[in-house]
Amino acid sequence: MDYQPGCLARSLAGHDKDQYYVILSVDGERVLLADGRTRTQGHPKRKNKKHIQLVKNSLVKEFPVSDEELYARLKSFVKCTSGEGEY
């Protein structure tokens, strides 16, 4: 898989380990991530590529999308894959 905007990624390191994000943009070895709730598109998380793992190729196909929609898609994906009701 390639690092592309709209892809789902999981944090592998840092205080946000095991959190899921959507890639907003790619800048060299860094990516900008958002989850729609704590990390909005207006205030994205900047993370090194080696500290994330790509999970799904395309969670968001077209931008712009609202933070609420972003959060809802992440929440439904995590709920379906983990079998748990928490995000």
C-alpha atoms as a PDB file:
ATOM      1  CA  MET A   1       0.000   0.000   0.000  1.00  0.00           C
ATOM      2  CA  ASP A   2       1.037   3.535  -0.658  1.00  0.00           C
ATOM      3  CA  TYR A   3       0.622   6.551   1.612  1.00  0.00           C
ATOM      4  CA  GLN A   4      -2.212   8.491  -0.018  1.00  0.00           C
ATOM      5  CA  PRO A   5      -4.760  11.004   1.298  1.00  0.00           C
ATOM      6  CA  GLY A   6      -7.898   9.195   2.446  1.00  0.00           C
ATOM      7  CA  CYS A   7      -6.113   6.046   3.623  1.00  0.00           C
ATOM      8  CA  LEU A   8      -6.724   4.677   7.105  1.00  0.00           C
ATOM      9  CA  ALA A   9      -3.665   4.453   9.354  1.00  0.00           C
ATOM     10  CA  ARG A  10      -2.945   3.224  12.882  1.00  0.00           C
ATOM     11  CA  SER A  11      -0.393   4.880  15.135  1.00  0.00           C
ATOM     12  CA  LEU A  12       2.439   2.550  16.149  1.00  0.00           C
ATOM     13  CA  ALA A  13       4.367   4.865  18.476  1.00  0.00           C
ATOM     14  CA  GLY A  14       3.852   7.793  20.787  1.00  0.00           C
ATOM     15  CA  HIS A  15       1.210   8.681  23.328  1.00  0.00           C
ATOM     16  CA  ASP A  16      -1.469   8.030  20.693  1.00  0.00           C
ATOM     17  CA  LYS A  17      -0.362   4.416  20.062  1.00  0.00           C
ATOM     18  CA  ASP A  18      -3.118   2.217  18.560  1.00  0.00           C
ATOM     19  CA  GLN A  19      -5.284   5.202  17.580  1.00  0.00           C
ATOM     20  CA  TYR A  20      -6.772   5.272  14.088  1.00  0.00           C
ATOM     21  CA  TYR A  21      -6.495   8.257  11.768  1.00  0.00           C
ATOM     22  CA  VAL A  22      -7.191   9.226   8.173  1.00  0.00           C
ATOM     23  CA  ILE A  23      -4.260  10.567   6.162  1.00  0.00           C
ATOM     24  CA  LEU A  24      -4.962  14.111   4.990  1.00  0.00           C
ATOM     25  CA  SER A  25      -1.720  14.771   3.120  1.00  0.00           C
ATOM     26  CA  VAL A  26       1.777  13.420   2.583  1.00  0.00           C
ATOM     27  CA  ASP A  27       4.864  15.611   2.783  1.00  0.00           C
ATOM     28  CA  GLY A  28       8.083  13.657   2.246  1.00  0.00           C
ATOM     29  CA  GLU A  29       8.596  11.424   5.290  1.00  0.00           C
ATOM     30  CA  ARG A  30       5.752  13.030   7.244  1.00  0.00           C
ATOM     31  CA  VAL A  31       1.986  12.693   7.019  1.00  0.00           C
ATOM     32  CA  LEU A  32      -0.838  14.838   8.363  1.00  0.00           C
ATOM     33  CA  LEU A  33      -3.486  12.817  10.189  1.00  0.00           C
ATOM     34  CA  ALA A  34      -6.978  13.574  11.489  1.00  0.00           C
ATOM     35  CA  ASP A  35      -9.618  11.603  13.369  1.00  0.00           C
ATOM     36  CA  GLY A  36     -12.435  14.135  13.230  1.00  0.00           C
ATOM     37  CA  ARG A  37     -12.774  14.452  16.993  1.00  0.00           C
ATOM     38  CA  THR A  38      -9.576  15.314  18.892  1.00  0.00           C
ATOM     39  CA  ARG A  39      -7.523  15.888  15.747  1.00  0.00           C
ATOM     40  CA  THR A  40      -9.641  17.821  13.296  1.00  0.00           C
ATOM     41  CA  GLN A  41      -8.746  18.718   9.744  1.00  0.00           C
ATOM     42  CA  GLY A  42      -8.031  22.248  10.886  1.00  0.00           C
ATOM     43  CA  HIS A  43      -5.599  20.993  13.558  1.00  0.00           C
ATOM     44  CA  PRO A  44      -4.092  17.739  12.187  1.00  0.00           C
ATOM     45  CA  LYS A  45      -1.476  15.517  13.813  1.00  0.00           C
ATOM     46  CA  ARG A  46       1.908  15.486  12.094  1.00  0.00           C
ATOM     47  CA  LYS A  47       3.596  12.097  12.273  1.00  0.00           C
ATOM     48  CA  ASN A  48       6.559  10.311  10.742  1.00  0.00           C
ATOM     49  CA  LYS A  49       5.638   7.596   8.210  1.00  0.00           C
ATOM     50  CA  LYS A  50       7.624   4.969  10.102  1.00  0.00           C
ATOM     51  CA  HIS A  51       5.414   5.531  13.156  1.00  0.00           C
ATOM     52  CA  ILE A  52       2.168   4.590  11.412  1.00  0.00           C
ATOM     53  CA  GLN A  53       0.810   1.453   9.790  1.00  0.00           C
ATOM     54  CA  LEU A  54      -1.526   1.610   6.794  1.00  0.00           C
ATOM     55  CA  VAL A  55      -4.665  -0.385   7.520  1.00  0.00           C
ATOM     56  CA  LYS A  56      -7.040   0.258   4.658  1.00  0.00           C
ATOM     57  CA  ASN A  57      -6.347   1.669   1.239  1.00  0.00           C
ATOM     58  CA  SER A  58      -9.248   4.097   0.956  1.00  0.00           C
ATOM     59  CA  LEU A  59     -11.584   5.088   3.778  1.00  0.00           C
ATOM     60  CA  VAL A  60     -12.335   8.534   2.338  1.00  0.00           C
ATOM     61  CA  LYS A  61     -12.465   8.710  -1.438  1.00  0.00           C
ATOM     62  CA  GLU A  62     -13.237  12.395  -1.959  1.00  0.00           C
ATOM     63  CA  PHE A  63     -12.279  15.479   0.005  1.00  0.00           C
ATOM     64  CA  PRO A  64     -13.513  17.777   1.440  1.00  0.00           C
ATOM     65  CA  VAL A  65     -15.438  15.829   4.043  1.00  0.00           C
ATOM     66  CA  SER A  66     -16.654  17.195   7.375  1.00  0.00           C
ATOM     67  CA  ASP A  67     -14.965  16.274  10.652  1.00  0.00           C
ATOM     68  CA  GLU A  68     -18.216  14.639  11.801  1.00  0.00           C
ATOM     69  CA  GLU A  69     -18.294  12.411   8.710  1.00  0.00           C
ATOM     70  CA  LEU A  70     -14.612  11.560   9.163  1.00  0.00           C
ATOM     71  CA  TYR A  71     -15.209  10.561  12.782  1.00  0.00           C
ATOM     72  CA  ALA A  72     -18.284   8.504  11.866  1.00  0.00           C
ATOM     73  CA  ARG A  73     -16.388   6.548   9.202  1.00  0.00           C
ATOM     74  CA  LEU A  74     -13.483   5.858  11.557  1.00  0.00           C
ATOM     75  CA  LYS A  75     -15.804   4.801  14.360  1.00  0.00           C
ATOM     76  CA  SER A  76     -17.795   2.414  12.151  1.00  0.00           C
ATOM     77  CA  PHE A  77     -14.619   0.874  10.699  1.00  0.00           C
ATOM     78  CA  VAL A  78     -13.040   0.300  14.123  1.00  0.00           C
ATOM     79  CA  LYS A  79     -16.310  -1.075  15.514  1.00  0.00           C
ATOM     80  CA  CYS A  80     -16.654  -3.541  12.614  1.00  0.00           C
ATOM     81  CA  THR A  81     -13.076  -4.798  12.697  1.00  0.00           C
ATOM     82  CA  SER A  82     -12.527  -5.053  16.433  1.00  0.00           C
ATOM     83  CA  GLY A  83     -15.950  -6.254  17.459  1.00  0.00           C
ATOM     84  CA  GLU A  84     -15.882  -3.722  20.265  1.00  0.00           C
ATOM     85  CA  GLY A  85     -18.186  -0.780  20.713  1.00  0.00           C
ATOM     86  CA  GLU A  86     -15.489   1.660  21.777  1.00  0.00           C
ATOM     87  CA  TYR A  87     -13.228   3.875  19.714  1.00  0.00           C
END
